[in-house]
Amino acid sequence: MDARLLDILVCPLCKGPLEYDKKAQELICRPDRLAYPIRDGIPIMWAEEARKVEPAL
């Protein structure tokens, strides 16, 4: 994931910052608890495609 692209991208729902999970190839929005997949290097920023993330302990 290009660092410049990560600086530009925000969560489509809350407009908050995203964290890059290299291992899972996902962009994670902590406030909304959603993980957006990255397929073939392209972030899929649709809420319908995101998976729910369990809150961190």
PDB file of N, CA and C in Angstrom:
ATOM      1  N   MET A   1       0.858  -1.179   0.000  1.00  0.00           N
ATOM      2  CA  MET A   1       0.000   0.000   0.000  1.00  0.00           C
ATOM      3  C   MET A   1       0.892   1.225   0.000  1.00  0.00           C
ATOM      4  N   ASP A   2       0.646   2.095  -0.922  1.00  0.00           N
ATOM      5  CA  ASP A   2       1.402   3.337  -1.051  1.00  0.00           C
ATOM      6  C   ASP A   2       1.071   4.257   0.123  1.00  0.00           C
ATOM      7  N   ALA A   3       2.077   4.744   0.829  1.00  0.00           N
ATOM      8  CA  ALA A   3       1.889   5.617   1.988  1.00  0.00           C
ATOM      9  C   ALA A   3       1.160   6.900   1.619  1.00  0.00           C
ATOM     10  N   ARG A   4       1.402   7.412   0.432  1.00  0.00           N
ATOM     11  CA  ARG A   4       0.713   8.637  -0.005  1.00  0.00           C
ATOM     12  C   ARG A   4      -0.783   8.394  -0.167  1.00  0.00           C
ATOM     13  N   LEU A   5      -1.131   7.230  -0.694  1.00  0.00           N
ATOM     14  CA  LEU A   5      -2.542   6.879  -0.848  1.00  0.00           C
ATOM     15  C   LEU A   5      -3.203   6.706   0.521  1.00  0.00           C
ATOM     16  N   LEU A   6      -2.505   6.088   1.440  1.00  0.00           N
ATOM     17  CA  LEU A   6      -3.040   5.894   2.791  1.00  0.00           C
ATOM     18  C   LEU A   6      -3.282   7.229   3.483  1.00  0.00           C
ATOM     19  N   ASP A   7      -2.469   8.226   3.201  1.00  0.00           N
ATOM     20  CA  ASP A   7      -2.668   9.566   3.770  1.00  0.00           C
ATOM     21  C   ASP A   7      -3.939  10.221   3.240  1.00  0.00           C
ATOM     22  N   ILE A   8      -4.345   9.876   2.035  1.00  0.00           N
ATOM     23  CA  ILE A   8      -5.499  10.492   1.393  1.00  0.00           C
ATOM     24  C   ILE A   8      -6.803   9.772   1.745  1.00  0.00           C
ATOM     25  N   LEU A   9      -6.752   8.448   1.826  1.00  0.00           N
ATOM     26  CA  LEU A   9      -7.970   7.670   2.043  1.00  0.00           C
ATOM     27  C   LEU A   9      -8.519   7.847   3.457  1.00  0.00           C
ATOM     28  N   VAL A  10      -9.843   7.923   3.547  1.00  0.00           N
ATOM     29  CA  VAL A  10     -10.538   7.978   4.835  1.00  0.00           C
ATOM     30  C   VAL A  10     -11.716   7.005   4.773  1.00  0.00           C
ATOM     31  N   CYS A  11     -12.263   6.693   5.929  1.00  0.00           N
ATOM     32  CA  CYS A  11     -13.432   5.833   6.003  1.00  0.00           C
ATOM     33  C   CYS A  11     -14.597   6.525   5.277  1.00  0.00           C
ATOM     34  N   PRO A  12     -15.279   5.820   4.388  1.00  0.00           N
ATOM     35  CA  PRO A  12     -16.388   6.451   3.667  1.00  0.00           C
ATOM     36  C   PRO A  12     -17.593   6.771   4.559  1.00  0.00           C
ATOM     37  N   LEU A  13     -17.685   6.145   5.716  1.00  0.00           N
ATOM     38  CA  LEU A  13     -18.819   6.393   6.602  1.00  0.00           C
ATOM     39  C   LEU A  13     -18.575   7.559   7.554  1.00  0.00           C
ATOM     40  N   CYS A  14     -17.454   7.505   8.290  1.00  0.00           N
ATOM     41  CA  CYS A  14     -17.215   8.531   9.317  1.00  0.00           C
ATOM     42  C   CYS A  14     -16.160   9.555   8.905  1.00  0.00           C
ATOM     43  N   LYS A  15     -15.509   9.326   7.779  1.00  0.00           N
ATOM     44  CA  LYS A  15     -14.437  10.207   7.266  1.00  0.00           C
ATOM     45  C   LYS A  15     -13.209  10.219   8.173  1.00  0.00           C
ATOM     46  N   GLY A  16     -13.075   9.202   9.020  1.00  0.00           N
ATOM     47  CA  GLY A  16     -11.934   9.093   9.924  1.00  0.00           C
ATOM     48  C   GLY A  16     -10.754   8.402   9.276  1.00  0.00           C
ATOM     49  N   PRO A  17      -9.609   8.396   9.977  1.00  0.00           N
ATOM     50  CA  PRO A  17      -8.392   7.771   9.438  1.00  0.00           C
ATOM     51  C   PRO A  17      -8.511   6.251   9.388  1.00  0.00           C
ATOM     52  N   LEU A  18      -7.718   5.663   8.508  1.00  0.00           N
ATOM     53  CA  LEU A  18      -7.686   4.215   8.346  1.00  0.00           C
ATOM     54  C   LEU A  18      -6.307   3.679   8.698  1.00  0.00           C
ATOM     55  N   GLU A  19      -6.264   2.484   9.252  1.00  0.00           N
ATOM     56  CA  GLU A  19      -4.999   1.798   9.548  1.00  0.00           C
ATOM     57  C   GLU A  19      -4.813   0.683   8.538  1.00  0.00           C
ATOM     58  N   TYR A  20      -3.589   0.524   8.070  1.00  0.00           N
ATOM     59  CA  TYR A  20      -3.274  -0.511   7.085  1.00  0.00           C
ATOM     60  C   TYR A  20      -2.813  -1.771   7.799  1.00  0.00           C
ATOM     61  N   ASP A  21      -3.499  -2.890   7.538  1.00  0.00           N
ATOM     62  CA  ASP A  21      -3.098  -4.196   8.059  1.00  0.00           C
ATOM     63  C   ASP A  21      -2.482  -4.963   6.892  1.00  0.00           C
ATOM     64  N   LYS A  22      -1.158  -4.963   6.847  1.00  0.00           N
ATOM     65  CA  LYS A  22      -0.436  -5.564   5.719  1.00  0.00           C
ATOM     66  C   LYS A  22      -0.710  -7.059   5.605  1.00  0.00           C
ATOM     67  N   LYS A  23      -0.718  -7.759   6.730  1.00  0.00           N
ATOM     68  CA  LYS A  23      -0.896  -9.209   6.724  1.00  0.00           C
ATOM     69  C   LYS A  23      -2.270  -9.601   6.163  1.00  0.00           C
ATOM     70  N   ALA A  24      -3.319  -8.904   6.622  1.00  0.00           N
ATOM     71  CA  ALA A  24      -4.683  -9.223   6.192  1.00  0.00           C
ATOM     72  C   ALA A  24      -5.071  -8.514   4.894  1.00  0.00           C
ATOM     73  N   GLN A  25      -4.230  -7.561   4.430  1.00  0.00           N
ATOM     74  CA  GLN A  25      -4.540  -6.762   3.243  1.00  0.00           C
ATOM     75  C   GLN A  25      -5.905  -6.081   3.400  1.00  0.00           C
ATOM     76  N   GLU A  26      -5.987  -5.285   4.485  1.00  0.00           N
ATOM     77  CA  GLU A  26      -7.213  -4.557   4.793  1.00  0.00           C
ATOM     78  C   GLU A  26      -6.884  -3.163   5.300  1.00  0.00           C
ATOM     79  N   LEU A  27      -7.847  -2.257   5.152  1.00  0.00           N
ATOM     80  CA  LEU A  27      -7.786  -0.933   5.752  1.00  0.00           C
ATOM     81  C   LEU A  27      -8.837  -0.928   6.853  1.00  0.00           C
ATOM     82  N   ILE A  28      -8.423  -0.600   8.063  1.00  0.00           N
ATOM     83  CA  ILE A  28      -9.296  -0.722   9.224  1.00  0.00           C
ATOM     84  C   ILE A  28      -9.696   0.641   9.753  1.00  0.00           C
ATOM     85  N   CYS A  29     -11.004   0.796   9.986  1.00  0.00           N
ATOM     86  CA  CYS A  29     -11.550   1.987  10.641  1.00  0.00           C
ATOM     87  C   CYS A  29     -11.899   1.570  12.063  1.00  0.00           C
ATOM     88  N   ARG A  30     -11.140   2.042  13.029  1.00  0.00           N
ATOM     89  CA  ARG A  30     -11.369   1.679  14.436  1.00  0.00           C
ATOM     90  C   ARG A  30     -12.694   2.213  14.984  1.00  0.00           C
ATOM     91  N   PRO A  31     -13.060   3.489  14.734  1.00  0.00           N
ATOM     92  CA  PRO A  31     -14.324   3.991  15.295  1.00  0.00           C
ATOM     93  C   PRO A  31     -15.561   3.222  14.801  1.00  0.00           C
ATOM     94  N   ASP A  32     -15.578   2.852  13.517  1.00  0.00           N
ATOM     95  CA  ASP A  32     -16.726   2.125  12.962  1.00  0.00           C
ATOM     96  C   ASP A  32     -16.576   0.612  13.079  1.00  0.00           C
ATOM     97  N   ARG A  33     -15.389   0.164  13.479  1.00  0.00           N
ATOM     98  CA  ARG A  33     -15.086  -1.276  13.607  1.00  0.00           C
ATOM     99  C   ARG A  33     -15.342  -2.019  12.300  1.00  0.00           C
ATOM    100  N   LEU A  34     -14.801  -1.456  11.212  1.00  0.00           N
ATOM    101  CA  LEU A  34     -14.922  -2.065   9.893  1.00  0.00           C
ATOM    102  C   LEU A  34     -13.549  -2.248   9.266  1.00  0.00           C
ATOM    103  N   ALA A  35     -13.412  -3.318   8.492  1.00  0.00           N
ATOM    104  CA  ALA A  35     -12.177  -3.579   7.754  1.00  0.00           C
ATOM    105  C   ALA A  35     -12.517  -3.675   6.277  1.00  0.00           C
ATOM    106  N   TYR A  36     -11.936  -2.766   5.498  1.00  0.00           N
ATOM    107  CA  TYR A  36     -12.166  -2.726   4.061  1.00  0.00           C
ATOM    108  C   TYR A  36     -11.085  -3.549   3.359  1.00  0.00           C
ATOM    109  N   PRO A  37     -11.473  -4.481   2.482  1.00  0.00           N
ATOM    110  CA  PRO A  37     -10.478  -5.329   1.825  1.00  0.00           C
ATOM    111  C   PRO A  37      -9.675  -4.577   0.760  1.00  0.00           C
ATOM    112  N   ILE A  38      -8.477  -5.075   0.513  1.00  0.00           N
ATOM    113  CA  ILE A  38      -7.643  -4.588  -0.590  1.00  0.00           C
ATOM    114  C   ILE A  38      -7.480  -5.770  -1.542  1.00  0.00           C
ATOM    115  N   ARG A  39      -7.986  -5.609  -2.760  1.00  0.00           N
ATOM    116  CA  ARG A  39      -7.918  -6.688  -3.750  1.00  0.00           C
ATOM    117  C   ARG A  39      -7.079  -6.234  -4.929  1.00  0.00           C
ATOM    118  N   ASP A  40      -6.055  -7.003  -5.237  1.00  0.00           N
ATOM    119  CA  ASP A  40      -5.149  -6.680  -6.342  1.00  0.00           C
ATOM    120  C   ASP A  40      -4.593  -5.274  -6.217  1.00  0.00           C
ATOM    121  N   GLY A  41      -4.329  -4.849  -4.966  1.00  0.00           N
ATOM    122  CA  GLY A  41      -3.737  -3.547  -4.710  1.00  0.00           C
ATOM    123  C   GLY A  41      -4.738  -2.397  -4.709  1.00  0.00           C
ATOM    124  N   ILE A  42      -6.026  -2.704  -4.857  1.00  0.00           N
ATOM    125  CA  ILE A  42      -7.057  -1.670  -4.916  1.00  0.00           C
ATOM    126  C   ILE A  42      -7.937  -1.752  -3.669  1.00  0.00           C
ATOM    127  N   PRO A  43      -8.000  -0.682  -2.877  1.00  0.00           N
ATOM    128  CA  PRO A  43      -8.885  -0.690  -1.710  1.00  0.00           C
ATOM    129  C   PRO A  43     -10.360  -0.667  -2.147  1.00  0.00           C
ATOM    130  N   ILE A  44     -11.149  -1.557  -1.590  1.00  0.00           N
ATOM    131  CA  ILE A  44     -12.582  -1.625  -1.869  1.00  0.00           C
ATOM    132  C   ILE A  44     -13.284  -0.883  -0.733  1.00  0.00           C
ATOM    133  N   MET A  45     -13.700   0.343  -0.999  1.00  0.00           N
ATOM    134  CA  MET A  45     -14.181   1.241   0.046  1.00  0.00           C
ATOM    135  C   MET A  45     -15.706   1.297   0.137  1.00  0.00           C
ATOM    136  N   TRP A  46     -16.379   0.190  -0.091  1.00  0.00           N
ATOM    137  CA  TRP A  46     -17.830   0.104   0.042  1.00  0.00           C
ATOM    138  C   TRP A  46     -18.152  -0.519   1.386  1.00  0.00           C
ATOM    139  N   ALA A  47     -19.072   0.080   2.122  1.00  0.00           N
ATOM    140  CA  ALA A  47     -19.468  -0.457   3.431  1.00  0.00           C
ATOM    141  C   ALA A  47     -20.021  -1.874   3.289  1.00  0.00           C
ATOM    142  N   GLU A  48     -20.661  -2.170   2.176  1.00  0.00           N
ATOM    143  CA  GLU A  48     -21.227  -3.507   1.948  1.00  0.00           C
ATOM    144  C   GLU A  48     -20.135  -4.577   1.825  1.00  0.00           C
ATOM    145  N   GLU A  49     -18.940  -4.174   1.418  1.00  0.00           N
ATOM    146  CA  GLU A  49     -17.834  -5.110   1.242  1.00  0.00           C
ATOM    147  C   GLU A  49     -16.970  -5.237   2.500  1.00  0.00           C
ATOM    148  N   ALA A  50     -17.166  -4.337   3.459  1.00  0.00           N
ATOM    149  CA  ALA A  50     -16.356  -4.355   4.683  1.00  0.00           C
ATOM    150  C   ALA A  50     -16.828  -5.455   5.628  1.00  0.00           C
ATOM    151  N   ARG A  51     -15.895  -5.921   6.443  1.00  0.00           N
ATOM    152  CA  ARG A  51     -16.276  -6.898   7.462  1.00  0.00           C
ATOM    153  C   ARG A  51     -16.201  -6.221   8.832  1.00  0.00           C
ATOM    154  N   LYS A  52     -16.995  -6.719   9.762  1.00  0.00           N
ATOM    155  CA  LYS A  52     -16.987  -6.195  11.130  1.00  0.00           C
ATOM    156  C   LYS A  52     -15.716  -6.644  11.835  1.00  0.00           C
ATOM    157  N   VAL A  53     -15.154  -5.745  12.650  1.00  0.00           N
ATOM    158  CA  VAL A  53     -13.951  -6.038  13.418  1.00  0.00           C
ATOM    159  C   VAL A  53     -14.324  -6.010  14.897  1.00  0.00           C
ATOM    160  N   GLU A  54     -13.888  -7.006  15.633  1.00  0.00           N
ATOM    161  CA  GLU A  54     -14.143  -7.050  17.071  1.00  0.00           C
ATOM    162  C   GLU A  54     -13.358  -5.948  17.769  1.00  0.00           C
ATOM    163  N   PRO A  55     -13.924  -5.352  18.802  1.00  0.00           N
ATOM    164  CA  PRO A  55     -13.183  -4.294  19.535  1.00  0.00           C
ATOM    165  C   PRO A  55     -11.930  -4.848  20.193  1.00  0.00           C
ATOM    166  N   ALA A  56     -10.882  -4.043  20.216  1.00  0.00           N
ATOM    167  CA  ALA A  56      -9.624  -4.450  20.852  1.00  0.00           C
ATOM    168  C   ALA A  56      -9.806  -4.461  22.366  1.00  0.00           C
ATOM    169  N   LEU A  57      -9.173  -5.421  23.005  1.00  0.00           N
ATOM    170  CA  LEU A  57      -9.262  -5.500  24.467  1.00  0.00           C
ATOM    171  C   LEU A  57      -8.289  -4.596  25.130  1.00  0.00           C
TER     172      LEU A  57
END
